[in-house]
């Protein structure tokens, strides 16, 4: 058993803080936290597509998630839980400083 405190990256660190990662024949997952600075876009240009399924919990903040045509898909805010399929395009405008807890599963 491993126990860790949930901590977020500081604004001057990388935006992602990996807390646990396991990869073997039965399981391949990552668990961590993210800090996104208000007024930024993730990614800066284009869209990200992960080869993993993602479950994220918005702990604080607000993000405008975008469709690939640039229109608004949804607003994510504190208390929302998000499921993103593997290889699903994702991008967003970070409207407020945002803290996220995530799990990536392959």
PDB file of N, CA and C in Angstrom:
ATOM      1  N   UNK A   1       0.844  -1.168   0.000  1.00  0.00           N
ATOM      2  CA  UNK A   1       0.000   0.000   0.000  1.00  0.00           C
ATOM      3  C   UNK A   1       0.892   1.235   0.000  1.00  0.00           C
ATOM      4  N   UNK A   2       0.526   2.205  -0.817  1.00  0.00           N
ATOM      5  CA  UNK A   2       1.201   3.504  -0.821  1.00  0.00           C
ATOM      6  C   UNK A   2       0.175   4.567  -0.474  1.00  0.00           C
ATOM      7  N   UNK A   3       0.541   5.494   0.356  1.00  0.00           N
ATOM      8  CA  UNK A   3      -0.351   6.599   0.729  1.00  0.00           C
ATOM      9  C   UNK A   3       0.375   7.902   0.458  1.00  0.00           C
ATOM     10  N   UNK A   4      -0.298   8.822  -0.219  1.00  0.00           N
ATOM     11  CA  UNK A   4       0.270  10.128  -0.511  1.00  0.00           C
ATOM     12  C   UNK A   4      -0.772  11.202  -0.271  1.00  0.00           C
ATOM     13  N   UNK A   5      -0.322  12.375   0.034  1.00  0.00           N
ATOM     14  CA  UNK A   5      -1.199  13.540   0.146  1.00  0.00           C
ATOM     15  C   UNK A   5      -1.512  14.042  -1.258  1.00  0.00           C
ATOM     16  N   UNK A   6      -2.715  14.542  -1.471  1.00  0.00           N
ATOM     17  CA  UNK A   6      -3.052  15.157  -2.740  1.00  0.00           C
ATOM     18  C   UNK A   6      -2.447  16.554  -2.739  1.00  0.00           C
ATOM     19  N   UNK A   7      -1.454  16.746  -3.606  1.00  0.00           N
ATOM     20  CA  UNK A   7      -0.822  18.048  -3.738  1.00  0.00           C
ATOM     21  C   UNK A   7      -0.853  18.450  -5.205  1.00  0.00           C
ATOM     22  N   UNK A   8      -0.866  19.738  -5.446  1.00  0.00           N
ATOM     23  CA  UNK A   8      -0.911  20.276  -6.801  1.00  0.00           C
ATOM     24  C   UNK A   8       0.415  20.934  -7.138  1.00  0.00           C
ATOM     25  N   UNK A   9       0.770  20.930  -8.423  1.00  0.00           N
ATOM     26  CA  UNK A   9       1.974  21.647  -8.815  1.00  0.00           C
ATOM     27  C   UNK A   9       1.816  23.134  -8.497  1.00  0.00           C
ATOM     28  N   UNK A  10       2.924  23.776  -8.156  1.00  0.00           N
ATOM     29  CA  UNK A  10       2.876  25.219  -7.959  1.00  0.00           C
ATOM     30  C   UNK A  10       2.908  25.886  -9.331  1.00  0.00           C
ATOM     31  N   UNK A  11       2.493  27.144  -9.419  1.00  0.00           N
ATOM     32  CA  UNK A  11       2.466  27.823 -10.725  1.00  0.00           C
ATOM     33  C   UNK A  11       3.814  27.854 -11.447  1.00  0.00           C
ATOM     34  N   UNK A  12       4.932  27.742 -10.728  1.00  0.00           N
ATOM     35  CA  UNK A  12       6.237  27.777 -11.390  1.00  0.00           C
ATOM     36  C   UNK A  12       6.775  26.379 -11.723  1.00  0.00           C
ATOM     37  N   UNK A  13       6.033  25.322 -11.399  1.00  0.00           N
ATOM     38  CA  UNK A  13       6.408  23.948 -11.753  1.00  0.00           C
ATOM     39  C   UNK A  13       5.674  23.535 -13.022  1.00  0.00           C
ATOM     40  N   UNK A  14       6.004  22.343 -13.525  1.00  0.00           N
ATOM     41  CA  UNK A  14       5.231  21.747 -14.602  1.00  0.00           C
ATOM     42  C   UNK A  14       3.777  21.642 -14.139  1.00  0.00           C
ATOM     43  N   UNK A  15       2.835  21.750 -15.061  1.00  0.00           N
ATOM     44  CA  UNK A  15       1.420  21.768 -14.691  1.00  0.00           C
ATOM     45  C   UNK A  15       0.921  20.443 -14.128  1.00  0.00           C
ATOM     46  N   UNK A  16       1.651  19.339 -14.345  1.00  0.00           N
ATOM     47  CA  UNK A  16       1.189  18.004 -13.972  1.00  0.00           C
ATOM     48  C   UNK A  16       2.065  17.429 -12.860  1.00  0.00           C
ATOM     49  N   UNK A  17       1.434  16.899 -11.802  1.00  0.00           N
ATOM     50  CA  UNK A  17       2.175  16.233 -10.729  1.00  0.00           C
ATOM     51  C   UNK A  17       1.673  14.791 -10.645  1.00  0.00           C
ATOM     52  N   UNK A  18       2.483  13.866 -11.140  1.00  0.00           N
ATOM     53  CA  UNK A  18       2.144  12.446 -11.114  1.00  0.00           C
ATOM     54  C   UNK A  18       2.300  11.930  -9.690  1.00  0.00           C
ATOM     55  N   UNK A  19       1.248  11.320  -9.156  1.00  0.00           N
ATOM     56  CA  UNK A  19       1.286  10.800  -7.789  1.00  0.00           C
ATOM     57  C   UNK A  19       1.519   9.293  -7.747  1.00  0.00           C
ATOM     58  N   UNK A  20       0.876   8.537  -8.634  1.00  0.00           N
ATOM     59  CA  UNK A  20       1.070   7.087  -8.729  1.00  0.00           C
ATOM     60  C   UNK A  20       1.106   6.701 -10.197  1.00  0.00           C
ATOM     61  N   UNK A  21       1.883   5.670 -10.500  1.00  0.00           N
ATOM     62  CA  UNK A  21       1.867   5.086 -11.840  1.00  0.00           C
ATOM     63  C   UNK A  21       2.182   3.608 -11.705  1.00  0.00           C
ATOM     64  N   UNK A  22       1.372   2.771 -12.343  1.00  0.00           N
ATOM     65  CA  UNK A  22       1.587   1.330 -12.334  1.00  0.00           C
ATOM     66  C   UNK A  22       1.437   0.822 -13.752  1.00  0.00           C
ATOM     67  N   UNK A  23       2.381   0.008 -14.172  1.00  0.00           N
ATOM     68  CA  UNK A  23       2.300  -0.580 -15.503  1.00  0.00           C
ATOM     69  C   UNK A  23       2.826  -2.001 -15.420  1.00  0.00           C
ATOM     70  N   UNK A  24       1.950  -2.958 -15.674  1.00  0.00           N
ATOM     71  CA  UNK A  24       2.340  -4.358 -15.749  1.00  0.00           C
ATOM     72  C   UNK A  24       1.367  -5.062 -16.678  1.00  0.00           C
ATOM     73  N   UNK A  25       1.396  -6.381 -16.726  1.00  0.00           N
ATOM     74  CA  UNK A  25       0.521  -7.106 -17.658  1.00  0.00           C
ATOM     75  C   UNK A  25      -0.961  -6.925 -17.355  1.00  0.00           C
ATOM     76  N   UNK A  26      -1.313  -6.716 -16.099  1.00  0.00           N
ATOM     77  CA  UNK A  26      -2.714  -6.605 -15.720  1.00  0.00           C
ATOM     78  C   UNK A  26      -3.213  -5.154 -15.704  1.00  0.00           C
ATOM     79  N   UNK A  27      -2.339  -4.212 -15.380  1.00  0.00           N
ATOM     80  CA  UNK A  27      -2.775  -2.843 -15.119  1.00  0.00           C
ATOM     81  C   UNK A  27      -1.798  -1.843 -15.718  1.00  0.00           C
ATOM     82  N   UNK A  28      -2.338  -0.768 -16.283  1.00  0.00           N
ATOM     83  CA  UNK A  28      -1.524   0.340 -16.779  1.00  0.00           C
ATOM     84  C   UNK A  28      -2.306   1.619 -16.505  1.00  0.00           C
ATOM     85  N   UNK A  29      -1.920   2.340 -15.449  1.00  0.00           N
ATOM     86  CA  UNK A  29      -2.644   3.565 -15.113  1.00  0.00           C
ATOM     87  C   UNK A  29      -1.706   4.610 -14.529  1.00  0.00           C
ATOM     88  N   UNK A  30      -2.177   5.852 -14.582  1.00  0.00           N
ATOM     89  CA  UNK A  30      -1.495   6.980 -13.949  1.00  0.00           C
ATOM     90  C   UNK A  30      -2.528   7.739 -13.131  1.00  0.00           C
ATOM     91  N   UNK A  31      -2.102   8.303 -12.008  1.00  0.00           N
ATOM     92  CA  UNK A  31      -2.973   9.089 -11.133  1.00  0.00           C
ATOM     93  C   UNK A  31      -2.178  10.313 -10.714  1.00  0.00           C
ATOM     94  N   UNK A  32      -2.776  11.481 -10.830  1.00  0.00           N
ATOM     95  CA  UNK A  32      -2.046  12.682 -10.442  1.00  0.00           C
ATOM     96  C   UNK A  32      -2.928  13.904 -10.361  1.00  0.00           C
ATOM     97  N   UNK A  33      -2.285  15.041 -10.265  1.00  0.00           N
ATOM     98  CA  UNK A  33      -2.987  16.319 -10.175  1.00  0.00           C
ATOM     99  C   UNK A  33      -2.456  17.258 -11.246  1.00  0.00           C
ATOM    100  N   UNK A  34      -3.256  18.245 -11.580  1.00  0.00           N
ATOM    101  CA  UNK A  34      -2.891  19.239 -12.575  1.00  0.00           C
ATOM    102  C   UNK A  34      -3.245  20.613 -12.036  1.00  0.00           C
ATOM    103  N   UNK A  35      -2.371  21.591 -12.277  1.00  0.00           N
ATOM    104  CA  UNK A  35      -2.694  22.997 -12.034  1.00  0.00           C
ATOM    105  C   UNK A  35      -2.644  23.705 -13.376  1.00  0.00           C
ATOM    106  N   UNK A  36      -3.741  24.384 -13.741  1.00  0.00           N
ATOM    107  CA  UNK A  36      -3.808  25.152 -14.981  1.00  0.00           C
ATOM    108  C   UNK A  36      -4.029  26.619 -14.632  1.00  0.00           C
ATOM    109  N   UNK A  37      -3.222  27.484 -15.193  1.00  0.00           N
ATOM    110  CA  UNK A  37      -3.281  28.917 -14.925  1.00  0.00           C
ATOM    111  C   UNK A  37      -4.407  29.557 -15.723  1.00  0.00           C
ATOM    112  N   UNK A  38      -5.249  30.345 -15.028  1.00  0.00           N
ATOM    113  CA  UNK A  38      -6.314  31.080 -15.696  1.00  0.00           C
ATOM    114  C   UNK A  38      -5.748  31.960 -16.799  1.00  0.00           C
ATOM    115  N   UNK A  39      -6.488  32.060 -17.907  1.00  0.00           N
ATOM    116  CA  UNK A  39      -6.048  32.888 -19.024  1.00  0.00           C
ATOM    117  C   UNK A  39      -5.197  32.153 -20.035  1.00  0.00           C
ATOM    118  N   UNK A  40      -4.979  30.835 -19.827  1.00  0.00           N
ATOM    119  CA  UNK A  40      -4.194  30.054 -20.783  1.00  0.00           C
ATOM    120  C   UNK A  40      -5.113  29.137 -21.580  1.00  0.00           C
ATOM    121  N   UNK A  41      -4.553  28.511 -22.614  1.00  0.00           N
ATOM    122  CA  UNK A  41      -5.271  27.515 -23.413  1.00  0.00           C
ATOM    123  C   UNK A  41      -4.492  26.217 -23.314  1.00  0.00           C
ATOM    124  N   UNK A  42      -5.225  25.100 -23.207  1.00  0.00           N
ATOM    125  CA  UNK A  42      -4.585  23.789 -23.164  1.00  0.00           C
ATOM    126  C   UNK A  42      -5.065  22.934 -24.331  1.00  0.00           C
ATOM    127  N   UNK A  43      -4.198  22.417 -25.175  1.00  0.00           N
ATOM    128  CA  UNK A  43      -2.834  22.876 -25.359  1.00  0.00           C
ATOM    129  C   UNK A  43      -2.820  24.281 -25.975  1.00  0.00           C
ATOM    130  N   UNK A  44      -1.648  24.887 -26.089  1.00  0.00           N
ATOM    131  CA  UNK A  44      -1.570  26.248 -26.624  1.00  0.00           C
ATOM    132  C   UNK A  44      -2.186  26.340 -28.010  1.00  0.00           C
ATOM    133  N   UNK A  45      -1.977  25.303 -28.848  1.00  0.00           N
ATOM    134  CA  UNK A  45      -2.539  25.258 -30.203  1.00  0.00           C
ATOM    135  C   UNK A  45      -3.058  23.852 -30.466  1.00  0.00           C
ATOM    136  N   UNK A  46      -4.081  23.761 -31.282  1.00  0.00           N
ATOM    137  CA  UNK A  46      -4.588  22.463 -31.694  1.00  0.00           C
ATOM    138  C   UNK A  46      -5.301  21.712 -30.584  1.00  0.00           C
ATOM    139  N   UNK A  47      -5.276  20.380 -30.681  1.00  0.00           N
ATOM    140  CA  UNK A  47      -5.969  19.506 -29.741  1.00  0.00           C
ATOM    141  C   UNK A  47      -5.048  18.385 -29.291  1.00  0.00           C
ATOM    142  N   UNK A  48      -5.284  17.873 -28.098  1.00  0.00           N
ATOM    143  CA  UNK A  48      -4.550  16.739 -27.550  1.00  0.00           C
ATOM    144  C   UNK A  48      -5.416  15.497 -27.694  1.00  0.00           C
ATOM    145  N   UNK A  49      -4.781  14.363 -27.998  1.00  0.00           N
ATOM    146  CA  UNK A  49      -5.462  13.071 -28.021  1.00  0.00           C
ATOM    147  C   UNK A  49      -4.583  12.080 -27.268  1.00  0.00           C
ATOM    148  N   UNK A  50      -5.097  11.566 -26.146  1.00  0.00           N
ATOM    149  CA  UNK A  50      -4.354  10.594 -25.336  1.00  0.00           C
ATOM    150  C   UNK A  50      -4.707   9.180 -25.765  1.00  0.00           C
ATOM    151  N   UNK A  51      -3.759   8.256 -25.613  1.00  0.00           N
ATOM    152  CA  UNK A  51      -4.024   6.851 -25.919  1.00  0.00           C
ATOM    153  C   UNK A  51      -4.610   6.124 -24.713  1.00  0.00           C
ATOM    154  N   UNK A  52      -5.109   6.882 -23.745  1.00  0.00           N
ATOM    155  CA  UNK A  52      -5.674   6.317 -22.517  1.00  0.00           C
ATOM    156  C   UNK A  52      -7.061   6.900 -22.254  1.00  0.00           C
ATOM    157  N   UNK A  53      -7.842   6.180 -21.496  1.00  0.00           N
ATOM    158  CA  UNK A  53      -9.112   6.708 -21.002  1.00  0.00           C
ATOM    159  C   UNK A  53      -8.790   7.622 -19.824  1.00  0.00           C
ATOM    160  N   UNK A  54      -9.569   8.676 -19.664  1.00  0.00           N
ATOM    161  CA  UNK A  54      -9.287   9.646 -18.605  1.00  0.00           C
ATOM    162  C   UNK A  54     -10.536   9.911 -17.772  1.00  0.00           C
ATOM    163  N   UNK A  55     -10.349   9.936 -16.476  1.00  0.00           N
ATOM    164  CA  UNK A  55     -11.383  10.394 -15.548  1.00  0.00           C
ATOM    165  C   UNK A  55     -10.763  11.528 -14.757  1.00  0.00           C
ATOM    166  N   UNK A  56     -11.385  12.698 -14.801  1.00  0.00           N
ATOM    167  CA  UNK A  56     -10.860  13.870 -14.099  1.00  0.00           C
ATOM    168  C   UNK A  56     -11.922  14.474 -13.206  1.00  0.00           C
ATOM    169  N   UNK A  57     -11.483  14.987 -12.067  1.00  0.00           N
ATOM    170  CA  UNK A  57     -12.365  15.671 -11.123  1.00  0.00           C
ATOM    171  C   UNK A  57     -11.876  17.114 -11.028  1.00  0.00           C
ATOM    172  N   UNK A  58     -12.762  18.055 -11.319  1.00  0.00           N
ATOM    173  CA  UNK A  58     -12.418  19.469 -11.216  1.00  0.00           C
ATOM    174  C   UNK A  58     -12.589  19.865  -9.750  1.00  0.00           C
ATOM    175  N   UNK A  59     -11.471  20.131  -9.088  1.00  0.00           N
ATOM    176  CA  UNK A  59     -11.494  20.489  -7.671  1.00  0.00           C
ATOM    177  C   UNK A  59     -11.748  21.980  -7.466  1.00  0.00           C
ATOM    178  N   UNK A  60     -11.257  22.792  -8.401  1.00  0.00           N
ATOM    179  CA  UNK A  60     -11.364  24.241  -8.281  1.00  0.00           C
ATOM    180  C   UNK A  60     -11.172  24.821  -9.671  1.00  0.00           C
ATOM    181  N   UNK A  61     -11.897  25.889  -9.987  1.00  0.00           N
ATOM    182  CA  UNK A  61     -11.665  26.590 -11.232  1.00  0.00           C
ATOM    183  C   UNK A  61     -12.739  26.387 -12.269  1.00  0.00           C
ATOM    184  N   UNK A  62     -12.429  26.813 -13.501  1.00  0.00           N
ATOM    185  CA  UNK A  62     -13.393  26.737 -14.597  1.00  0.00           C
ATOM    186  C   UNK A  62     -12.641  26.685 -15.925  1.00  0.00           C
ATOM    187  N   UNK A  63     -13.086  25.753 -16.810  1.00  0.00           N
ATOM    188  CA  UNK A  63     -12.488  25.572 -18.132  1.00  0.00           C
ATOM    189  C   UNK A  63     -13.605  25.542 -19.169  1.00  0.00           C
ATOM    190  N   UNK A  64     -13.410  26.263 -20.255  1.00  0.00           N
ATOM    191  CA  UNK A  64     -14.309  26.192 -21.405  1.00  0.00           C
ATOM    192  C   UNK A  64     -13.740  25.142 -22.353  1.00  0.00           C
ATOM    193  N   UNK A  65     -14.359  23.961 -22.428  1.00  0.00           N
ATOM    194  CA  UNK A  65     -13.890  22.901 -23.316  1.00  0.00           C
ATOM    195  C   UNK A  65     -14.386  23.191 -24.730  1.00  0.00           C
ATOM    196  N   UNK A  66     -13.548  22.868 -25.722  1.00  0.00           N
ATOM    197  CA  UNK A  66     -13.818  23.239 -27.103  1.00  0.00           C
ATOM    198  C   UNK A  66     -14.070  22.031 -27.996  1.00  0.00           C
ATOM    199  N   UNK A  67     -14.963  22.217 -28.988  1.00  0.00           N
ATOM    200  CA  UNK A  67     -15.128  21.272 -30.078  1.00  0.00           C
ATOM    201  C   UNK A  67     -14.010  21.520 -31.081  1.00  0.00           C
ATOM    202  N   UNK A  68     -13.764  20.567 -31.977  1.00  0.00           N
ATOM    203  CA  UNK A  68     -12.678  20.719 -32.937  1.00  0.00           C
ATOM    204  C   UNK A  68     -12.897  21.884 -33.904  1.00  0.00           C
ATOM    205  N   UNK A  69     -14.136  22.357 -34.052  1.00  0.00           N
ATOM    206  CA  UNK A  69     -14.385  23.536 -34.903  1.00  0.00           C
ATOM    207  C   UNK A  69     -14.197  24.850 -34.136  1.00  0.00           C
ATOM    208  N   UNK A  70     -13.794  24.756 -32.856  1.00  0.00           N
ATOM    209  CA  UNK A  70     -13.547  25.952 -32.048  1.00  0.00           C
ATOM    210  C   UNK A  70     -14.734  26.415 -31.228  1.00  0.00           C
ATOM    211  N   UNK A  71     -15.905  25.817 -31.440  1.00  0.00           N
ATOM    212  CA  UNK A  71     -17.082  26.201 -30.662  1.00  0.00           C
ATOM    213  C   UNK A  71     -17.007  25.607 -29.249  1.00  0.00           C
ATOM    214  N   UNK A  72     -17.805  26.153 -28.350  1.00  0.00           N
ATOM    215  CA  UNK A  72     -17.817  25.678 -26.965  1.00  0.00           C
ATOM    216  C   UNK A  72     -18.552  24.348 -26.861  1.00  0.00           C
ATOM    217  N   UNK A  73     -17.896  23.361 -26.265  1.00  0.00           N
ATOM    218  CA  UNK A  73     -18.502  22.048 -26.029  1.00  0.00           C
ATOM    219  C   UNK A  73     -19.216  22.041 -24.686  1.00  0.00           C
ATOM    220  N   UNK A  74     -18.533  22.554 -23.653  1.00  0.00           N
ATOM    221  CA  UNK A  74     -19.055  22.483 -22.290  1.00  0.00           C
ATOM    222  C   UNK A  74     -18.171  23.339 -21.392  1.00  0.00           C
ATOM    223  N   UNK A  75     -18.735  23.783 -20.276  1.00  0.00           N
ATOM    224  CA  UNK A  75     -17.949  24.456 -19.240  1.00  0.00           C
ATOM    225  C   UNK A  75     -17.758  23.490 -18.088  1.00  0.00           C
ATOM    226  N   UNK A  76     -16.511  23.278 -17.694  1.00  0.00           N
ATOM    227  CA  UNK A  76     -16.201  22.428 -16.552  1.00  0.00           C
ATOM    228  C   UNK A  76     -15.933  23.322 -15.359  1.00  0.00           C
ATOM    229  N   UNK A  77     -16.501  22.935 -14.208  1.00  0.00           N
ATOM    230  CA  UNK A  77     -16.335  23.751 -13.004  1.00  0.00           C
ATOM    231  C   UNK A  77     -16.186  22.849 -11.784  1.00  0.00           C
ATOM    232  N   UNK A  78     -15.894  23.475 -10.663  1.00  0.00           N
ATOM    233  CA  UNK A  78     -15.688  22.760  -9.411  1.00  0.00           C
ATOM    234  C   UNK A  78     -16.786  21.729  -9.167  1.00  0.00           C
ATOM    235  N   UNK A  79     -16.364  20.504  -8.839  1.00  0.00           N
ATOM    236  CA  UNK A  79     -17.311  19.429  -8.533  1.00  0.00           C
ATOM    237  C   UNK A  79     -17.660  18.554  -9.723  1.00  0.00           C
ATOM    238  N   UNK A  80     -17.299  18.966 -10.950  1.00  0.00           N
ATOM    239  CA  UNK A  80     -17.592  18.151 -12.128  1.00  0.00           C
ATOM    240  C   UNK A  80     -16.629  16.974 -12.215  1.00  0.00           C
ATOM    241  N   UNK A  81     -17.144  15.823 -12.664  1.00  0.00           N
ATOM    242  CA  UNK A  81     -16.343  14.644 -12.963  1.00  0.00           C
ATOM    243  C   UNK A  81     -16.462  14.413 -14.461  1.00  0.00           C
ATOM    244  N   UNK A  82     -15.328  14.238 -15.128  1.00  0.00           N
ATOM    245  CA  UNK A  82     -15.292  14.152 -16.584  1.00  0.00           C
ATOM    246  C   UNK A  82     -14.715  12.813 -17.007  1.00  0.00           C
ATOM    247  N   UNK A  83     -15.343  12.168 -17.979  1.00  0.00           N
ATOM    248  CA  UNK A  83     -14.824  10.944 -18.580  1.00  0.00           C
ATOM    249  C   UNK A  83     -14.490  11.254 -20.034  1.00  0.00           C
ATOM    250  N   UNK A  84     -13.267  10.985 -20.444  1.00  0.00           N
ATOM    251  CA  UNK A  84     -12.830  11.226 -21.822  1.00  0.00           C
ATOM    252  C   UNK A  84     -12.327   9.906 -22.392  1.00  0.00           C
ATOM    253  N   UNK A  85     -12.870   9.519 -23.538  1.00  0.00           N
ATOM    254  CA  UNK A  85     -12.470   8.273 -24.186  1.00  0.00           C
ATOM    255  C   UNK A  85     -11.046   8.387 -24.732  1.00  0.00           C
ATOM    256  N   UNK A  86     -10.387   7.264 -24.871  1.00  0.00           N
ATOM    257  CA  UNK A  86      -9.061   7.232 -25.489  1.00  0.00           C
ATOM    258  C   UNK A  86      -9.156   7.808 -26.900  1.00  0.00           C
ATOM    259  N   UNK A  87      -8.203   8.624 -27.279  1.00  0.00           N
ATOM    260  CA  UNK A  87      -8.079   9.255 -28.589  1.00  0.00           C
ATOM    261  C   UNK A  87      -9.154  10.301 -28.887  1.00  0.00           C
ATOM    262  N   UNK A  88      -9.938  10.695 -27.889  1.00  0.00           N
ATOM    263  CA  UNK A  88     -10.912  11.768 -28.077  1.00  0.00           C
ATOM    264  C   UNK A  88     -10.177  13.109 -28.035  1.00  0.00           C
ATOM    265  N   UNK A  89     -10.433  13.961 -29.025  1.00  0.00           N
ATOM    266  CA  UNK A  89      -9.769  15.272 -29.091  1.00  0.00           C
ATOM    267  C   UNK A  89     -10.221  16.135 -27.919  1.00  0.00           C
ATOM    268  N   UNK A  90      -9.254  16.856 -27.316  1.00  0.00           N
ATOM    269  CA  UNK A  90      -9.600  17.737 -26.210  1.00  0.00           C
ATOM    270  C   UNK A  90      -8.734  18.992 -26.226  1.00  0.00           C
ATOM    271  N   UNK A  91      -9.368  20.119 -25.915  1.00  0.00           N
ATOM    272  CA  UNK A  91      -8.691  21.411 -25.775  1.00  0.00           C
ATOM    273  C   UNK A  91      -9.638  22.320 -25.016  1.00  0.00           C
ATOM    274  N   UNK A  92      -9.071  23.338 -24.371  1.00  0.00           N
ATOM    275  CA  UNK A  92      -9.938  24.243 -23.625  1.00  0.00           C
ATOM    276  C   UNK A  92      -9.258  25.549 -23.262  1.00  0.00           C
ATOM    277  N   UNK A  93     -10.082  26.521 -22.983  1.00  0.00           N
ATOM    278  CA  UNK A  93      -9.634  27.805 -22.469  1.00  0.00           C
ATOM    279  C   UNK A  93      -9.795  27.777 -20.956  1.00  0.00           C
ATOM    280  N   UNK A  94      -8.706  27.998 -20.232  1.00  0.00           N
ATOM    281  CA  UNK A  94      -8.731  27.981 -18.773  1.00  0.00           C
ATOM    282  C   UNK A  94      -9.191  29.357 -18.312  1.00  0.00           C
ATOM    283  N   UNK A  95     -10.410  29.433 -17.794  1.00  0.00           N
ATOM    284  CA  UNK A  95     -11.008  30.719 -17.429  1.00  0.00           C
ATOM    285  C   UNK A  95     -10.599  31.187 -16.045  1.00  0.00           C
ATOM    286  N   UNK A  96     -10.294  30.247 -15.156  1.00  0.00           N
ATOM    287  CA  UNK A  96      -9.842  30.551 -13.792  1.00  0.00           C
ATOM    288  C   UNK A  96      -8.731  29.573 -13.436  1.00  0.00           C
ATOM    289  N   UNK A  97      -7.848  29.952 -12.500  1.00  0.00           N
ATOM    290  CA  UNK A  97      -6.873  28.973 -12.004  1.00  0.00           C
ATOM    291  C   UNK A  97      -7.630  27.705 -11.641  1.00  0.00           C
ATOM    292  N   UNK A  98      -7.145  26.549 -12.123  1.00  0.00           N
ATOM    293  CA  UNK A  98      -7.896  25.301 -11.997  1.00  0.00           C
ATOM    294  C   UNK A  98      -7.021  24.185 -11.439  1.00  0.00           C
ATOM    295  N   UNK A  99      -7.565  23.442 -10.476  1.00  0.00           N
ATOM    296  CA  UNK A  99      -6.940  22.240  -9.921  1.00  0.00           C
ATOM    297  C   UNK A  99      -7.757  21.033 -10.347  1.00  0.00           C
ATOM    298  N   UNK A 100      -7.073  20.017 -10.853  1.00  0.00           N
ATOM    299  CA  UNK A 100      -7.722  18.794 -11.335  1.00  0.00           C
ATOM    300  C   UNK A 100      -7.040  17.583 -10.737  1.00  0.00           C
ATOM    301  N   UNK A 101      -7.823  16.577 -10.359  1.00  0.00           N
ATOM    302  CA  UNK A 101      -7.317  15.245 -10.000  1.00  0.00           C
ATOM    303  C   UNK A 101      -7.683  14.346 -11.169  1.00  0.00           C
ATOM    304  N   UNK A 102      -6.718  13.518 -11.632  1.00  0.00           N
ATOM    305  CA  UNK A 102      -6.999  12.687 -12.804  1.00  0.00           C
ATOM    306  C   UNK A 102      -6.505  11.252 -12.631  1.00  0.00           C
ATOM    307  N   UNK A 103      -7.136  10.357 -13.407  1.00  0.00           N
ATOM    308  CA  UNK A 103      -6.690   8.977 -13.573  1.00  0.00           C
ATOM    309  C   UNK A 103      -6.664   8.698 -15.063  1.00  0.00           C
ATOM    310  N   UNK A 104      -5.534   8.188 -15.576  1.00  0.00           N
ATOM    311  CA  UNK A 104      -5.411   7.757 -16.960  1.00  0.00           C
ATOM    312  C   UNK A 104      -5.293   6.226 -16.954  1.00  0.00           C
ATOM    313  N   UNK A 105      -6.125   5.561 -17.750  1.00  0.00           N
ATOM    314  CA  UNK A 105      -6.183   4.101 -17.762  1.00  0.00           C
ATOM    315  C   UNK A 105      -6.018   3.595 -19.186  1.00  0.00           C
ATOM    316  N   UNK A 106      -5.164   2.583 -19.352  1.00  0.00           N
ATOM    317  CA  UNK A 106      -4.953   2.013 -20.681  1.00  0.00           C
ATOM    318  C   UNK A 106      -5.407   0.577 -20.696  1.00  0.00           C
TER     319      UNK A 106
END
